C-alpha atoms as a PDB file:
ATOM      1  CA  UNK A   1       0.000   0.000   0.000  1.00  0.00           C
ATOM      2  CA  UNK A   2       1.318   3.450  -0.946  1.00  0.00           C
ATOM      3  CA  UNK A   3       1.676   5.450   2.269  1.00  0.00           C
ATOM      4  CA  UNK A   4       1.424   8.698   0.314  1.00  0.00           C
ATOM      5  CA  UNK A   5      -2.043   7.744  -0.951  1.00  0.00           C
ATOM      6  CA  UNK A   6      -3.169   6.901   2.575  1.00  0.00           C
ATOM      7  CA  UNK A   7      -2.035  10.324   3.792  1.00  0.00           C
ATOM      8  CA  UNK A   8      -3.984  11.979   0.956  1.00  0.00           C
ATOM      9  CA  UNK A   9      -7.053   9.899   1.816  1.00  0.00           C
ATOM     10  CA  UNK A  10      -6.965  10.955   5.478  1.00  0.00           C
ATOM     11  CA  UNK A  11      -6.443  14.586   4.472  1.00  0.00           C
ATOM     12  CA  UNK A  12      -9.609  14.513   2.323  1.00  0.00           C
ATOM     13  CA  UNK A  13     -11.560  13.107   5.289  1.00  0.00           C
ATOM     14  CA  UNK A  14     -10.181  15.706   7.712  1.00  0.00           C
ATOM     15  CA  UNK A  15     -10.888  18.667   5.386  1.00  0.00           C
ATOM     16  CA  UNK A  16     -14.272  17.457   4.163  1.00  0.00           C
ATOM     17  CA  UNK A  17     -13.583  17.784   0.438  1.00  0.00           C
ATOM     18  CA  UNK A  18     -10.864  17.483  -2.175  1.00  0.00           C
ATOM     19  CA  UNK A  19     -10.487  21.233  -2.759  1.00  0.00           C
ATOM     20  CA  UNK A  20      -9.657  22.062   0.867  1.00  0.00           C
ATOM     21  CA  UNK A  21      -7.437  19.003   1.216  1.00  0.00           C
ATOM     22  CA  UNK A  22      -5.493  19.903  -1.944  1.00  0.00           C
ATOM     23  CA  UNK A  23      -4.840  23.392  -0.606  1.00  0.00           C
ATOM     24  CA  UNK A  24      -3.588  21.991   2.706  1.00  0.00           C
ATOM     25  CA  UNK A  25      -1.347  19.540   0.873  1.00  0.00           C
ATOM     26  CA  UNK A  26      -0.024  22.201  -1.524  1.00  0.00           C
ATOM     27  CA  UNK A  27      -1.051  20.213  -4.572  1.00  0.00           C
ATOM     28  CA  UNK A  28      -3.561  20.702  -7.381  1.00  0.00           C
ATOM     29  CA  UNK A  29      -7.147  19.501  -7.007  1.00  0.00           C
ATOM     30  CA  UNK A  30      -6.980  17.344 -10.192  1.00  0.00           C
ATOM     31  CA  UNK A  31      -3.862  15.603  -8.890  1.00  0.00           C
ATOM     32  CA  UNK A  32      -5.511  14.814  -5.560  1.00  0.00           C
ATOM     33  CA  UNK A  33      -8.708  13.629  -7.271  1.00  0.00           C
ATOM     34  CA  UNK A  34      -6.615  11.325  -9.449  1.00  0.00           C
ATOM     35  CA  UNK A  35      -4.828   9.997  -6.365  1.00  0.00           C
ATOM     36  CA  UNK A  36      -8.167   9.113  -4.751  1.00  0.00           C
ATOM     37  CA  UNK A  37      -9.285   7.314  -7.911  1.00  0.00           C
ATOM     38  CA  UNK A  38      -6.012   5.398  -7.965  1.00  0.00           C
ATOM     39  CA  UNK A  39      -6.451   4.343  -4.340  1.00  0.00           C
ATOM     40  CA  UNK A  40     -10.036   3.193  -4.911  1.00  0.00           C
ATOM     41  CA  UNK A  41      -9.017   1.284  -8.038  1.00  0.00           C
ATOM     42  CA  UNK A  42      -6.177  -0.501  -6.269  1.00  0.00           C
ATOM     43  CA  UNK A  43      -8.524  -1.585  -3.487  1.00  0.00           C
ATOM     44  CA  UNK A  44     -11.400  -2.229  -5.914  1.00  0.00           C
ATOM     45  CA  UNK A  45     -13.868  -0.389  -3.662  1.00  0.00           C
ATOM     46  CA  UNK A  46     -15.799   2.883  -3.581  1.00  0.00           C
ATOM     47  CA  UNK A  47     -14.387   5.098  -0.832  1.00  0.00           C
ATOM     48  CA  UNK A  48     -16.633   8.178  -0.998  1.00  0.00           C
ATOM     49  CA  UNK A  49     -20.149   9.140  -1.999  1.00  0.00           C
ATOM     50  CA  UNK A  50     -21.054  12.757  -2.701  1.00  0.00           C
ATOM     51  CA  UNK A  51     -23.840  14.448  -0.757  1.00  0.00           C
ATOM     52  CA  UNK A  52     -24.181  17.965  -2.112  1.00  0.00           C
ATOM     53  CA  UNK A  53     -20.718  19.529  -1.916  1.00  0.00           C
ATOM     54  CA  UNK A  54     -19.557  17.194   0.810  1.00  0.00           C
ATOM     55  CA  UNK A  55     -17.994  13.769   0.550  1.00  0.00           C
ATOM     56  CA  UNK A  56     -19.169  10.985   2.815  1.00  0.00           C
ATOM     57  CA  UNK A  57     -17.343   7.771   3.482  1.00  0.00           C
ATOM     58  CA  UNK A  58     -18.797   4.490   2.337  1.00  0.00           C
ATOM     59  CA  UNK A  59     -18.655   1.548   4.795  1.00  0.00           C
ATOM     60  CA  UNK A  60     -15.506   0.395   2.990  1.00  0.00           C
ATOM     61  CA  UNK A  61     -14.100   3.914   3.280  1.00  0.00           C
ATOM     62  CA  UNK A  62     -14.761   4.003   7.030  1.00  0.00           C
ATOM     63  CA  UNK A  63     -12.956   0.685   7.465  1.00  0.00           C
ATOM     64  CA  UNK A  64     -10.003   1.962   5.447  1.00  0.00           C
ATOM     65  CA  UNK A  65      -9.907   5.158   7.527  1.00  0.00           C
ATOM     66  CA  UNK A  66      -9.363   3.164  10.722  1.00  0.00           C
ATOM     67  CA  UNK A  67      -6.574   1.135   9.158  1.00  0.00           C
ATOM     68  CA  UNK A  68      -5.005   4.146   7.420  1.00  0.00           C
ATOM     69  CA  UNK A  69      -4.798   6.241  10.572  1.00  0.00           C
ATOM     70  CA  UNK A  70      -3.232   3.350  12.492  1.00  0.00           C
ATOM     71  CA  UNK A  71      -0.664   2.731   9.749  1.00  0.00           C
ATOM     72  CA  UNK A  72       0.266   6.420   9.525  1.00  0.00           C
ATOM     73  CA  UNK A  73       0.597   6.662  13.308  1.00  0.00           C
ATOM     74  CA  UNK A  74       2.881   3.618  13.468  1.00  0.00           C
ATOM     75  CA  UNK A  75       5.034   4.837  10.584  1.00  0.00           C
ATOM     76  CA  UNK A  76       5.384   8.291  12.112  1.00  0.00           C
ATOM     77  CA  UNK A  77       6.271   6.759  15.471  1.00  0.00           C
ATOM     78  CA  UNK A  78       8.888   4.496  13.889  1.00  0.00           C
ATOM     79  CA  UNK A  79      10.353   7.421  11.969  1.00  0.00           C
ATOM     80  CA  UNK A  80      10.584   9.486  15.151  1.00  0.00           C
ATOM     81  CA  UNK A  81      12.268   6.624  17.004  1.00  0.00           C
ATOM     82  CA  UNK A  82      14.789   6.146  14.213  1.00  0.00           C
ATOM     83  CA  UNK A  83      15.492   9.857  14.227  1.00  0.00           C
ATOM     84  CA  UNK A  84      16.150   9.716  17.970  1.00  0.00           C
ATOM     85  CA  UNK A  85      18.720   6.980  17.407  1.00  0.00           C
ATOM     86  CA  UNK A  86      20.366   8.691  14.446  1.00  0.00           C
ATOM     87  CA  UNK A  87      20.648  11.951  16.366  1.00  0.00           C
ATOM     88  CA  UNK A  88      22.055  10.038  19.377  1.00  0.00           C
ATOM     89  CA  UNK A  89      19.255  11.141  21.649  1.00  0.00           C
ATOM     90  CA  UNK A  90      18.706   7.492  22.568  1.00  0.00           C
ATOM     91  CA  UNK A  91      20.202   4.083  21.861  1.00  0.00           C
ATOM     92  CA  UNK A  92      22.718   1.613  23.229  1.00  0.00           C
ATOM     93  CA  UNK A  93      26.014   0.044  22.330  1.00  0.00           C
ATOM     94  CA  UNK A  94      27.234  -3.302  23.646  1.00  0.00           C
ATOM     95  CA  UNK A  95      30.995  -3.611  24.114  1.00  0.00           C
ATOM     96  CA  UNK A  96      32.918  -6.789  24.945  1.00  0.00           C
ATOM     97  CA  UNK A  97      36.191  -6.570  26.832  1.00  0.00           C
ATOM     98  CA  UNK A  98      38.649  -8.496  28.965  1.00  0.00           C
ATOM     99  CA  UNK A  99      39.614  -7.628  32.517  1.00  0.00           C
ATOM    100  CA  UNK A 100      42.761  -5.645  31.655  1.00  0.00           C
ATOM    101  CA  UNK A 101      41.126  -3.636  28.883  1.00  0.00           C
ATOM    102  CA  UNK A 102      38.197  -3.263  31.265  1.00  0.00           C
ATOM    103  CA  UNK A 103      40.561  -1.419  33.605  1.00  0.00           C
ATOM    104  CA  UNK A 104      42.142   0.591  30.795  1.00  0.00           C
ATOM    105  CA  UNK A 105      41.257   2.028  28.303  1.00  0.00           C
ATOM    106  CA  UNK A 106      37.527   1.155  28.555  1.00  0.00           C
ATOM    107  CA  UNK A 107      36.652   3.399  31.556  1.00  0.00           C
ATOM    108  CA  UNK A 108      38.337   6.446  30.017  1.00  0.00           C
ATOM    109  CA  UNK A 109      36.587   5.876  26.696  1.00  0.00           C
ATOM    110  CA  UNK A 110      33.211   5.291  28.366  1.00  0.00           C
ATOM    111  CA  UNK A 111      33.608   8.531  30.317  1.00  0.00           C
ATOM    112  CA  UNK A 112      34.340  10.473  27.129  1.00  0.00           C
ATOM    113  CA  UNK A 113      31.452   8.774  25.348  1.00  0.00           C
ATOM    114  CA  UNK A 114      28.880   9.472  28.059  1.00  0.00           C
ATOM    115  CA  UNK A 115      30.061  13.050  28.518  1.00  0.00           C
ATOM    116  CA  UNK A 116      29.156  13.700  24.892  1.00  0.00           C
ATOM    117  CA  UNK A 117      26.102  11.454  24.633  1.00  0.00           C
ATOM    118  CA  UNK A 118      24.596  10.973  28.115  1.00  0.00           C
ATOM    119  CA  UNK A 119      21.393   9.457  26.684  1.00  0.00           C
ATOM    120  CA  UNK A 120      23.287   6.503  25.172  1.00  0.00           C
ATOM    121  CA  UNK A 121      23.480   3.326  27.254  1.00  0.00           C
ATOM    122  CA  UNK A 122      26.817   1.504  27.215  1.00  0.00           C
ATOM    123  CA  UNK A 123      26.521  -2.220  28.012  1.00  0.00           C
ATOM    124  CA  UNK A 124      29.793  -3.993  28.852  1.00  0.00           C
ATOM    125  CA  UNK A 125      30.200  -7.766  28.497  1.00  0.00           C
ATOM    126  CA  UNK A 126      33.100  -9.706  30.015  1.00  0.00           C
ATOM    127  CA  UNK A 127      34.858 -11.800  27.395  1.00  0.00           C
ATOM    128  CA  UNK A 128      37.551 -12.768  29.956  1.00  0.00           C
ATOM    129  CA  UNK A 129      40.259 -12.525  27.275  1.00  0.00           C
ATOM    130  CA  UNK A 130      40.712 -10.482  24.080  1.00  0.00           C
ATOM    131  CA  UNK A 131      39.965 -13.653  22.118  1.00  0.00           C
ATOM    132  CA  UNK A 132      36.801 -14.118  24.161  1.00  0.00           C
ATOM    133  CA  UNK A 133      35.775 -10.528  23.449  1.00  0.00           C
ATOM    134  CA  UNK A 134      36.240 -11.167  19.726  1.00  0.00           C
ATOM    135  CA  UNK A 135      34.057 -14.268  20.008  1.00  0.00           C
ATOM    136  CA  UNK A 136      31.242 -12.228  21.571  1.00  0.00           C
ATOM    137  CA  UNK A 137      31.449  -9.838  18.628  1.00  0.00           C
ATOM    138  CA  UNK A 138      31.632 -12.682  16.123  1.00  0.00           C
ATOM    139  CA  UNK A 139      28.452 -14.344  17.430  1.00  0.00           C
ATOM    140  CA  UNK A 140      26.544 -11.051  17.632  1.00  0.00           C
ATOM    141  CA  UNK A 141      26.352 -10.744  21.427  1.00  0.00           C
ATOM    142  CA  UNK A 142      28.380  -7.509  21.284  1.00  0.00           C
ATOM    143  CA  UNK A 143      28.699  -4.883  18.579  1.00  0.00           C
ATOM    144  CA  UNK A 144      32.240  -3.828  19.522  1.00  0.00           C
ATOM    145  CA  UNK A 145      35.075  -5.610  21.287  1.00  0.00           C
ATOM    146  CA  UNK A 146      38.458  -4.663  22.715  1.00  0.00           C
ATOM    147  CA  UNK A 147      41.158  -6.920  21.288  1.00  0.00           C
ATOM    148  CA  UNK A 148      44.871  -7.212  20.881  1.00  0.00           C
ATOM    149  CA  UNK A 149      45.985  -6.627  17.307  1.00  0.00           C
ATOM    150  CA  UNK A 150      46.858  -7.825  14.776  1.00  0.00           C
ATOM    151  CA  UNK A 151      43.776  -9.948  14.169  1.00  0.00           C
ATOM    152  CA  UNK A 152      43.338 -11.333  10.688  1.00  0.00           C
ATOM    153  CA  UNK A 153      39.780 -12.423  10.005  1.00  0.00           C
ATOM    154  CA  UNK A 154      37.745 -11.410   6.982  1.00  0.00           C
ATOM    155  CA  UNK A 155      34.468 -11.298   8.918  1.00  0.00           C
ATOM    156  CA  UNK A 156      35.834  -8.739  11.405  1.00  0.00           C
ATOM    157  CA  UNK A 157      36.866  -5.111  10.958  1.00  0.00           C
ATOM    158  CA  UNK A 158      39.577  -3.719  13.237  1.00  0.00           C
ATOM    159  CA  UNK A 159      40.357  -0.185  14.431  1.00  0.00           C
ATOM    160  CA  UNK A 160      43.853   0.330  15.848  1.00  0.00           C
ATOM    161  CA  UNK A 161      43.766   2.616  18.890  1.00  0.00           C
ATOM    162  CA  UNK A 162      47.451   2.546  19.798  1.00  0.00           C
ATOM    163  CA  UNK A 163      49.884   0.482  21.827  1.00  0.00           C
ATOM    164  CA  UNK A 164      50.556   0.064  25.524  1.00  0.00           C
ATOM    165  CA  UNK A 165      53.607  -1.227  27.330  1.00  0.00           C
ATOM    166  CA  UNK A 166      53.429  -4.456  29.321  1.00  0.00           C
ATOM    167  CA  UNK A 167      55.561  -4.300  32.479  1.00  0.00           C
ATOM    168  CA  UNK A 168      56.520  -6.616  35.323  1.00  0.00           C
ATOM    169  CA  UNK A 169      54.854  -5.667  38.605  1.00  0.00           C
ATOM    170  CA  UNK A 170      55.810  -6.966  42.033  1.00  0.00           C
ATOM    171  CA  UNK A 171      57.387  -6.135  45.374  1.00  0.00           C
ATOM    172  CA  UNK A 172      60.984  -4.906  45.382  1.00  0.00           C
ATOM    173  CA  UNK A 173      61.962  -8.112  47.159  1.00  0.00           C
ATOM    174  CA  UNK A 174      60.678  -9.987  44.105  1.00  0.00           C
ATOM    175  CA  UNK A 175      61.617  -7.859  41.070  1.00  0.00           C
ATOM    176  CA  UNK A 176      64.498  -5.881  42.559  1.00  0.00           C
ATOM    177  CA  UNK A 177      64.838  -2.163  43.194  1.00  0.00           C
ATOM    178  CA  UNK A 178      66.566  -1.160  39.972  1.00  0.00           C
ATOM    179  CA  UNK A 179      65.062   1.316  37.538  1.00  0.00           C
ATOM    180  CA  UNK A 180      66.653  -0.250  34.481  1.00  0.00           C
ATOM    181  CA  UNK A 181      64.600  -2.661  32.334  1.00  0.00           C
ATOM    182  CA  UNK A 182      64.744  -6.378  33.011  1.00  0.00           C
ATOM    183  CA  UNK A 183      66.649  -8.483  30.516  1.00  0.00           C
ATOM    184  CA  UNK A 184      65.239 -11.786  29.329  1.00  0.00           C
ATOM    185  CA  UNK A 185      67.792 -13.600  31.478  1.00  0.00           C
ATOM    186  CA  UNK A 186      66.731 -11.680  34.585  1.00  0.00           C
ATOM    187  CA  UNK A 187      63.042 -12.174  33.849  1.00  0.00           C
ATOM    188  CA  UNK A 188      63.452 -15.946  33.595  1.00  0.00           C
ATOM    189  CA  UNK A 189      64.696 -16.028  37.202  1.00  0.00           C
ATOM    190  CA  UNK A 190      61.688 -14.218  38.717  1.00  0.00           C
ATOM    191  CA  UNK A 191      58.759 -16.032  40.394  1.00  0.00           C
ATOM    192  CA  UNK A 192      55.498 -15.335  38.556  1.00  0.00           C
ATOM    193  CA  UNK A 193      51.768 -15.694  38.906  1.00  0.00           C
ATOM    194  CA  UNK A 194      50.139 -16.024  35.472  1.00  0.00           C
ATOM    195  CA  UNK A 195      46.803 -16.794  33.920  1.00  0.00           C
ATOM    196  CA  UNK A 196      46.279 -20.409  33.048  1.00  0.00           C
ATOM    197  CA  UNK A 197      46.549 -21.213  29.345  1.00  0.00           C
ATOM    198  CA  UNK A 198      42.794 -21.363  28.804  1.00  0.00           C
ATOM    199  CA  UNK A 199      42.371 -17.837  30.176  1.00  0.00           C
ATOM    200  CA  UNK A 200      45.551 -16.303  28.768  1.00  0.00           C
ATOM    201  CA  UNK A 201      44.573 -16.861  25.140  1.00  0.00           C
ATOM    202  CA  UNK A 202      46.924 -17.018  22.175  1.00  0.00           C
ATOM    203  CA  UNK A 203      47.747 -13.354  21.569  1.00  0.00           C
ATOM    204  CA  UNK A 204      51.260 -12.235  20.674  1.00  0.00           C
ATOM    205  CA  UNK A 205      51.877 -10.719  24.104  1.00  0.00           C
ATOM    206  CA  UNK A 206      50.565 -13.849  25.865  1.00  0.00           C
ATOM    207  CA  UNK A 207      52.949 -16.039  23.882  1.00  0.00           C
ATOM    208  CA  UNK A 208      55.846 -13.725  24.697  1.00  0.00           C
ATOM    209  CA  UNK A 209      55.013 -13.817  28.404  1.00  0.00           C
ATOM    210  CA  UNK A 210      54.906 -17.602  28.443  1.00  0.00           C
ATOM    211  CA  UNK A 211      58.273 -17.685  26.671  1.00  0.00           C
ATOM    212  CA  UNK A 212      60.102 -15.481  29.219  1.00  0.00           C
ATOM    213  CA  UNK A 213      58.335 -16.489  32.466  1.00  0.00           C
ATOM    214  CA  UNK A 214      59.968 -19.808  33.313  1.00  0.00           C
ATOM    215  CA  UNK A 215      59.294 -19.806  37.083  1.00  0.00           C
ATOM    216  CA  UNK A 216      55.511 -19.881  37.259  1.00  0.00           C
ATOM    217  CA  UNK A 217      54.577 -20.579  40.873  1.00  0.00           C
ATOM    218  CA  UNK A 218      50.850 -19.899  40.579  1.00  0.00           C
ATOM    219  CA  UNK A 219      48.252 -19.932  37.821  1.00  0.00           C
ATOM    220  CA  UNK A 220      44.706 -18.610  37.995  1.00  0.00           C
ATOM    221  CA  UNK A 221      41.670 -18.257  35.776  1.00  0.00           C
ATOM    222  CA  UNK A 222      41.029 -14.608  36.723  1.00  0.00           C
ATOM    223  CA  UNK A 223      43.418 -11.667  36.513  1.00  0.00           C
ATOM    224  CA  UNK A 224      41.953 -10.228  39.695  1.00  0.00           C
ATOM    225  CA  UNK A 225      43.330 -13.258  41.548  1.00  0.00           C
ATOM    226  CA  UNK A 226      46.808 -12.578  40.180  1.00  0.00           C
ATOM    227  CA  UNK A 227      46.659  -8.965  41.289  1.00  0.00           C
ATOM    228  CA  UNK A 228      45.585  -9.974  44.797  1.00  0.00           C
ATOM    229  CA  UNK A 229      48.423 -12.479  45.085  1.00  0.00           C
ATOM    230  CA  UNK A 230      51.013 -10.003  43.787  1.00  0.00           C
ATOM    231  CA  UNK A 231      49.835  -7.399  46.324  1.00  0.00           C
ATOM    232  CA  UNK A 232      50.992  -9.753  49.116  1.00  0.00           C
ATOM    233  CA  UNK A 233      54.573  -9.627  47.819  1.00  0.00           C
ATOM    234  CA  UNK A 234      55.323 -13.270  46.997  1.00  0.00           C
ATOM    235  CA  UNK A 235      55.344 -13.208  43.200  1.00  0.00           C
ATOM    236  CA  UNK A 236      55.295 -10.870  40.209  1.00  0.00           C
ATOM    237  CA  UNK A 237      52.998 -10.699  37.204  1.00  0.00           C
ATOM    238  CA  UNK A 238      52.606  -8.872  33.907  1.00  0.00           C
ATOM    239  CA  UNK A 239      50.204  -6.001  33.394  1.00  0.00           C
ATOM    240  CA  UNK A 240      49.949  -2.940  31.181  1.00  0.00           C
ATOM    241  CA  UNK A 241      51.740   0.102  32.538  1.00  0.00           C
ATOM    242  CA  UNK A 242      48.508   2.135  32.534  1.00  0.00           C
ATOM    243  CA  UNK A 243      46.489  -0.554  34.301  1.00  0.00           C
ATOM    244  CA  UNK A 244      49.177  -1.073  36.950  1.00  0.00           C
ATOM    245  CA  UNK A 245      48.399   2.347  38.428  1.00  0.00           C
ATOM    246  CA  UNK A 246      44.833   1.195  38.992  1.00  0.00           C
ATOM    247  CA  UNK A 247      45.007  -2.494  39.914  1.00  0.00           C
ATOM    248  CA  UNK A 248      48.275  -2.432  41.888  1.00  0.00           C
ATOM    249  CA  UNK A 249      48.789   1.198  42.926  1.00  0.00           C
ATOM    250  CA  UNK A 250      52.151   1.883  44.514  1.00  0.00           C
ATOM    251  CA  UNK A 251      53.562  -1.533  43.604  1.00  0.00           C
ATOM    252  CA  UNK A 252      56.993  -1.346  41.955  1.00  0.00           C
ATOM    253  CA  UNK A 253      57.216  -2.097  38.251  1.00  0.00           C
ATOM    254  CA  UNK A 254      59.953  -2.624  35.711  1.00  0.00           C
ATOM    255  CA  UNK A 255      59.975  -2.540  31.950  1.00  0.00           C
ATOM    256  CA  UNK A 256      61.361  -5.336  29.828  1.00  0.00           C
ATOM    257  CA  UNK A 257      64.325  -5.178  27.498  1.00  0.00           C
ATOM    258  CA  UNK A 258      63.407  -5.104  24.695  1.00  0.00           C
ATOM    259  CA  UNK A 259      60.088  -3.428  25.617  1.00  0.00           C
ATOM    260  CA  UNK A 260      56.930  -5.529  25.285  1.00  0.00           C
ATOM    261  CA  UNK A 261      54.254  -3.480  23.509  1.00  0.00           C
ATOM    262  CA  UNK A 262      50.692  -4.580  22.919  1.00  0.00           C
ATOM    263  CA  UNK A 263      48.563  -3.101  20.146  1.00  0.00           C
ATOM    264  CA  UNK A 264      45.067  -2.277  21.385  1.00  0.00           C
ATOM    265  CA  UNK A 265      42.127  -2.129  19.016  1.00  0.00           C
ATOM    266  CA  UNK A 266      38.392  -2.303  18.606  1.00  0.00           C
ATOM    267  CA  UNK A 267      36.792  -4.960  16.442  1.00  0.00           C
ATOM    268  CA  UNK A 268      33.330  -5.323  14.906  1.00  0.00           C
ATOM    269  CA  UNK A 269      31.647  -7.425  12.273  1.00  0.00           C
ATOM    270  CA  UNK A 270      31.624  -6.279   8.656  1.00  0.00           C
ATOM    271  CA  UNK A 271      28.795  -3.954   7.733  1.00  0.00           C
ATOM    272  CA  UNK A 272      27.620  -0.573   9.032  1.00  0.00           C
ATOM    273  CA  UNK A 273      27.763   0.250  12.725  1.00  0.00           C
ATOM    274  CA  UNK A 274      24.829   1.690  14.639  1.00  0.00           C
ATOM    275  CA  UNK A 275      25.093   5.445  15.356  1.00  0.00           C
ATOM    276  CA  UNK A 276      25.820   4.670  19.028  1.00  0.00           C
ATOM    277  CA  UNK A 277      28.689   2.334  18.085  1.00  0.00           C
ATOM    278  CA  UNK A 278      30.083   4.925  15.680  1.00  0.00           C
ATOM    279  CA  UNK A 279      30.070   7.463  18.510  1.00  0.00           C
ATOM    280  CA  UNK A 280      31.909   4.973  20.762  1.00  0.00           C
ATOM    281  CA  UNK A 281      34.616   4.444  18.133  1.00  0.00           C
ATOM    282  CA  UNK A 282      35.053   8.216  17.818  1.00  0.00           C
ATOM    283  CA  UNK A 283      35.385   8.533  21.592  1.00  0.00           C
ATOM    284  CA  UNK A 284      37.904   5.670  21.631  1.00  0.00           C
ATOM    285  CA  UNK A 285      40.072   7.360  19.017  1.00  0.00           C
ATOM    286  CA  UNK A 286      39.913  10.669  20.864  1.00  0.00           C
ATOM    287  CA  UNK A 287      40.965   9.162  24.197  1.00  0.00           C
ATOM    288  CA  UNK A 288      43.585   6.884  22.675  1.00  0.00           C
ATOM    289  CA  UNK A 289      45.242   9.740  20.818  1.00  0.00           C
ATOM    290  CA  UNK A 290      46.518  11.023  24.168  1.00  0.00           C
ATOM    291  CA  UNK A 291      46.420   7.959  26.423  1.00  0.00           C
ATOM    292  CA  UNK A 292      48.094   5.357  24.202  1.00  0.00           C
ATOM    293  CA  UNK A 293      51.329   5.385  22.281  1.00  0.00           C
ATOM    294  CA  UNK A 294      51.361   5.431  18.503  1.00  0.00           C
ATOM    295  CA  UNK A 295      51.978   1.896  17.357  1.00  0.00           C
ATOM    296  CA  UNK A 296      55.046   1.145  15.277  1.00  0.00           C
ATOM    297  CA  UNK A 297      54.130  -2.426  14.381  1.00  0.00           C
ATOM    298  CA  UNK A 298      50.892  -1.991  12.396  1.00  0.00           C
END
């Protein structure tokens, strides 16, 4: 059914005749009369009967009026709702992350996002690992996900945000009190608490950590457990330099030699993003421009 014809039909009813309706619609009377004939022909019914100068609805016309007004109302409501979403006056974006990216940079990006678009709801899902976050995006549970790059998959689109340094964090009695970076030989001698293999994933940084951390005294499924254990001073662990200020404040840290950098990115499925997700990506790029280093590996 042509929505335009339904709007013309309702206008004729509301104004009582074709002449007045045509004036209100800013169209010629012959054009509107032809539109009414077209509508009646398509439905194969008589819509109006003439009584003097006035038009009266037939029973079929009255039935169509009820349906036409309901259709127009629903279409106008849907258009208004879409406009609200497009103009970012409402909507939601679902973002998958892992615990470390959930500490940084997610909170900073969410703050920037909500400061600009306070009506948008940000829903965060825990993917446990960057690979898990990508899986939530892949299966449609989340629209965006924080991942470690590079990630080569045709069904996913990536946005590089920058890189962050992974450091060794632990008590001075564990990692030493020197300011110079730890060599690979020194790192292999330190006692570590690490994620178990199932939770650590297969990212480049995870593989590097496994290769240099030979003395693993404790493994856990959750990063929060590692941070709690490290805070008691028995072992060290690996964490991003930015996150260390939050999860283990005041705990000594040392860089690695050569430095271990992790590329941070957002990932989504191919195809257009919702307006809310587009706004989140813009906020992520804005925050990352100052909070993350410029990557040299991408």
